[in-house]
């Protein structure tokens, strides 16, 4: 059984990672990051994130986003390849 005390909501994780919760949701939907648990509640899907999930999200952000704000420019992406 999932221990809710050791997991975090998408909004909590987004704050810890330093992105908007919609951005984190888009990353999850695109398969870039994943939440460990899904809970059905009020007819919707709610995701619960572990500390390990948060580490993966932080790593994804660090590898794919500039230090300031936003995504890498296309030129930066081409240079990295």
N, C-alpha and C. Protein backbone atom coordinates (compact mmCIF):
# COMPACT_ATOMS: atom_id res chain seq x y z
N UNK A 1 0.83 -1.19 0.00
CA UNK A 1 0.00 0.00 0.00
C UNK A 1 0.87 1.24 0.00
N UNK A 2 0.45 2.23 -0.71
CA UNK A 2 1.17 3.49 -0.84
C UNK A 2 1.08 4.29 0.45
N UNK A 3 2.20 4.77 0.93
CA UNK A 3 2.22 5.64 2.09
C UNK A 3 2.18 7.08 1.61
N UNK A 4 1.06 7.74 1.80
CA UNK A 4 0.88 9.11 1.31
C UNK A 4 1.85 10.07 1.99
N UNK A 5 2.30 9.76 3.19
CA UNK A 5 3.23 10.64 3.91
C UNK A 5 4.59 10.74 3.22
N UNK A 6 4.94 9.75 2.42
CA UNK A 6 6.26 9.73 1.79
C UNK A 6 6.19 10.08 0.31
N UNK A 7 5.07 10.61 -0.12
CA UNK A 7 4.93 11.02 -1.51
C UNK A 7 4.45 12.47 -1.57
N UNK A 8 4.52 13.03 -2.76
CA UNK A 8 4.20 14.44 -2.95
C UNK A 8 3.23 14.60 -4.11
N UNK A 9 2.43 15.65 -4.08
CA UNK A 9 1.53 15.97 -5.18
C UNK A 9 2.32 16.59 -6.32
N UNK A 10 1.70 16.67 -7.47
CA UNK A 10 2.35 17.28 -8.64
C UNK A 10 2.71 18.73 -8.36
N UNK A 11 1.82 19.47 -7.71
CA UNK A 11 2.11 20.88 -7.40
C UNK A 11 3.28 21.01 -6.43
N UNK A 12 3.37 20.13 -5.44
CA UNK A 12 4.48 20.16 -4.50
C UNK A 12 5.80 19.87 -5.21
N UNK A 13 5.78 18.88 -6.09
CA UNK A 13 7.00 18.50 -6.82
C UNK A 13 7.42 19.62 -7.76
N UNK A 14 6.47 20.22 -8.45
CA UNK A 14 6.79 21.32 -9.36
C UNK A 14 7.50 22.45 -8.60
N UNK A 15 7.02 22.75 -7.42
CA UNK A 15 7.66 23.80 -6.60
C UNK A 15 9.08 23.40 -6.22
N UNK A 16 9.27 22.14 -5.84
CA UNK A 16 10.60 21.65 -5.46
C UNK A 16 11.57 21.67 -6.65
N UNK A 17 11.04 21.36 -7.84
CA UNK A 17 11.87 21.30 -9.05
C UNK A 17 12.12 22.71 -9.62
N UNK A 18 11.17 23.62 -9.36
CA UNK A 18 11.32 24.99 -9.86
C UNK A 18 10.66 25.21 -11.20
N UNK A 19 9.57 24.51 -11.46
CA UNK A 19 8.81 24.69 -12.69
C UNK A 19 7.34 24.83 -12.33
N UNK A 20 6.54 25.28 -13.29
CA UNK A 20 5.10 25.36 -13.08
C UNK A 20 4.53 23.95 -13.10
N UNK A 21 3.44 23.72 -12.37
CA UNK A 21 2.88 22.37 -12.31
C UNK A 21 2.39 21.90 -13.68
N UNK A 22 1.98 22.83 -14.54
CA UNK A 22 1.54 22.45 -15.88
C UNK A 22 2.73 21.91 -16.67
N UNK A 23 3.89 22.52 -16.50
CA UNK A 23 5.11 22.04 -17.17
C UNK A 23 5.43 20.62 -16.72
N UNK A 24 5.37 20.38 -15.43
CA UNK A 24 5.64 19.05 -14.91
C UNK A 24 4.62 18.03 -15.45
N UNK A 25 3.38 18.44 -15.53
CA UNK A 25 2.34 17.57 -16.08
C UNK A 25 2.65 17.25 -17.56
N UNK A 26 3.08 18.24 -18.31
CA UNK A 26 3.43 18.01 -19.73
C UNK A 26 4.61 17.06 -19.85
N UNK A 27 5.61 17.23 -19.01
CA UNK A 27 6.76 16.32 -19.02
C UNK A 27 6.30 14.90 -18.73
N UNK A 28 5.41 14.73 -17.75
CA UNK A 28 4.92 13.41 -17.41
C UNK A 28 4.12 12.80 -18.55
N UNK A 29 3.26 13.60 -19.17
CA UNK A 29 2.44 13.12 -20.28
C UNK A 29 3.30 12.73 -21.48
N UNK A 30 4.42 13.42 -21.67
CA UNK A 30 5.32 13.13 -22.79
C UNK A 30 6.30 12.01 -22.47
N UNK A 31 6.29 11.51 -21.26
CA UNK A 31 7.17 10.41 -20.88
C UNK A 31 8.58 10.85 -20.51
N UNK A 32 8.78 12.13 -20.28
CA UNK A 32 10.11 12.64 -19.91
C UNK A 32 10.42 12.32 -18.45
N UNK A 33 9.41 12.39 -17.60
CA UNK A 33 9.53 12.04 -16.18
C UNK A 33 8.30 11.21 -15.84
N UNK A 34 8.34 10.54 -14.70
CA UNK A 34 7.15 9.79 -14.32
C UNK A 34 6.93 9.85 -12.82
N UNK A 35 5.67 9.80 -12.47
CA UNK A 35 5.27 9.71 -11.07
C UNK A 35 5.14 8.23 -10.73
N UNK A 36 5.46 7.86 -9.52
CA UNK A 36 5.43 6.45 -9.13
C UNK A 36 4.04 5.88 -8.97
N UNK A 37 3.10 6.72 -8.59
CA UNK A 37 1.78 6.20 -8.26
C UNK A 37 0.68 7.08 -8.84
N UNK A 38 -0.39 6.43 -9.25
CA UNK A 38 -1.58 7.13 -9.73
C UNK A 38 -2.73 6.76 -8.81
N UNK A 39 -3.47 7.76 -8.39
CA UNK A 39 -4.60 7.52 -7.51
C UNK A 39 -5.85 8.07 -8.19
N UNK A 40 -6.88 7.25 -8.28
CA UNK A 40 -8.15 7.72 -8.81
C UNK A 40 -8.92 8.41 -7.71
N UNK A 41 -9.31 9.66 -7.96
CA UNK A 41 -10.02 10.41 -6.94
C UNK A 41 -10.96 11.40 -7.61
N UNK A 42 -12.19 11.45 -7.19
CA UNK A 42 -13.18 12.39 -7.73
C UNK A 42 -13.30 12.28 -9.25
N UNK A 43 -13.18 11.09 -9.77
CA UNK A 43 -13.33 10.88 -11.20
C UNK A 43 -12.12 11.27 -12.03
N UNK A 44 -11.03 11.65 -11.39
CA UNK A 44 -9.83 12.06 -12.12
C UNK A 44 -8.62 11.25 -11.69
N UNK A 45 -7.50 11.56 -12.30
CA UNK A 45 -6.24 10.89 -11.97
C UNK A 45 -5.37 11.87 -11.17
N UNK A 46 -4.87 11.40 -10.07
CA UNK A 46 -3.96 12.20 -9.26
C UNK A 46 -2.66 11.41 -9.14
N UNK A 47 -1.56 12.10 -9.30
CA UNK A 47 -0.26 11.46 -9.31
C UNK A 47 0.46 11.75 -8.01
N UNK A 48 1.16 10.74 -7.50
CA UNK A 48 1.96 10.87 -6.29
C UNK A 48 3.41 10.60 -6.67
N UNK A 49 4.29 11.46 -6.20
CA UNK A 49 5.70 11.44 -6.57
C UNK A 49 6.55 11.10 -5.35
N UNK A 50 7.58 10.29 -5.56
CA UNK A 50 8.52 9.94 -4.49
C UNK A 50 9.75 10.84 -4.59
N UNK A 51 10.61 10.74 -3.60
CA UNK A 51 11.87 11.50 -3.63
C UNK A 51 12.69 11.14 -4.87
N UNK A 52 12.70 9.87 -5.25
CA UNK A 52 13.44 9.45 -6.44
C UNK A 52 12.86 10.09 -7.70
N UNK A 53 11.53 10.17 -7.78
CA UNK A 53 10.88 10.84 -8.92
C UNK A 53 11.30 12.30 -8.99
N UNK A 54 11.42 12.95 -7.84
CA UNK A 54 11.83 14.35 -7.79
C UNK A 54 13.26 14.50 -8.30
N UNK A 55 14.14 13.59 -7.92
CA UNK A 55 15.53 13.63 -8.39
C UNK A 55 15.59 13.52 -9.91
N UNK A 56 14.79 12.62 -10.47
CA UNK A 56 14.75 12.45 -11.93
C UNK A 56 14.25 13.72 -12.61
N UNK A 57 13.23 14.34 -12.05
CA UNK A 57 12.68 15.58 -12.63
C UNK A 57 13.70 16.70 -12.56
N UNK A 58 14.41 16.81 -11.45
CA UNK A 58 15.46 17.84 -11.33
C UNK A 58 16.57 17.61 -12.35
N UNK A 59 16.95 16.35 -12.53
CA UNK A 59 17.99 16.01 -13.49
C UNK A 59 17.54 16.35 -14.91
N UNK A 60 16.29 16.02 -15.25
CA UNK A 60 15.75 16.34 -16.57
C UNK A 60 15.78 17.84 -16.80
N UNK A 61 15.37 18.60 -15.81
CA UNK A 61 15.37 20.06 -15.95
C UNK A 61 16.80 20.57 -16.15
N UNK A 62 17.74 20.08 -15.36
CA UNK A 62 19.13 20.53 -15.45
C UNK A 62 19.75 20.22 -16.81
N UNK A 63 19.39 19.09 -17.38
CA UNK A 63 19.97 18.68 -18.66
C UNK A 63 19.30 19.34 -19.86
N UNK A 64 18.08 19.82 -19.70
CA UNK A 64 17.32 20.30 -20.84
C UNK A 64 16.91 21.76 -20.80
N UNK A 65 17.20 22.46 -19.72
CA UNK A 65 16.80 23.85 -19.60
C UNK A 65 17.97 24.71 -19.18
N UNK A 66 17.97 25.94 -19.70
CA UNK A 66 19.02 26.88 -19.33
C UNK A 66 18.87 27.25 -17.87
N UNK A 67 19.94 27.79 -17.30
CA UNK A 67 19.92 28.15 -15.90
C UNK A 67 18.94 29.27 -15.61
N UNK A 68 18.81 30.20 -16.55
CA UNK A 68 17.89 31.32 -16.35
C UNK A 68 16.46 30.86 -16.39
N UNK A 69 15.85 30.91 -17.57
CA UNK A 69 14.46 30.50 -17.71
C UNK A 69 14.26 29.83 -19.05
N UNK A 70 13.36 28.92 -19.09
CA UNK A 70 12.88 28.36 -20.35
C UNK A 70 13.76 27.31 -20.98
N UNK A 71 13.26 26.82 -22.10
CA UNK A 71 13.94 25.75 -22.83
C UNK A 71 15.19 26.27 -23.53
N UNK A 72 16.05 25.33 -23.91
CA UNK A 72 17.23 25.68 -24.69
C UNK A 72 16.80 26.21 -26.04
N UNK A 73 17.57 27.11 -26.56
CA UNK A 73 17.32 27.60 -27.91
C UNK A 73 17.70 26.50 -28.90
N UNK A 74 17.14 26.54 -30.09
CA UNK A 74 17.42 25.51 -31.09
C UNK A 74 18.90 25.41 -31.39
N UNK A 75 19.59 26.55 -31.44
CA UNK A 75 21.04 26.55 -31.71
C UNK A 75 21.79 25.81 -30.62
N UNK A 76 21.38 25.98 -29.36
CA UNK A 76 22.03 25.28 -28.25
C UNK A 76 21.80 23.77 -28.34
N UNK A 77 20.63 23.38 -28.77
CA UNK A 77 20.32 21.96 -28.92
C UNK A 77 21.18 21.35 -30.00
N UNK A 78 21.35 22.04 -31.14
CA UNK A 78 22.17 21.53 -32.23
C UNK A 78 23.62 21.40 -31.82
N UNK A 79 24.14 22.38 -31.05
CA UNK A 79 25.52 22.32 -30.58
C UNK A 79 25.75 21.12 -29.67
N UNK A 80 24.78 20.80 -28.85
CA UNK A 80 24.91 19.70 -27.90
C UNK A 80 25.00 18.35 -28.59
N UNK A 81 24.44 18.24 -29.79
CA UNK A 81 24.47 16.96 -30.50
C UNK A 81 25.77 16.80 -31.15
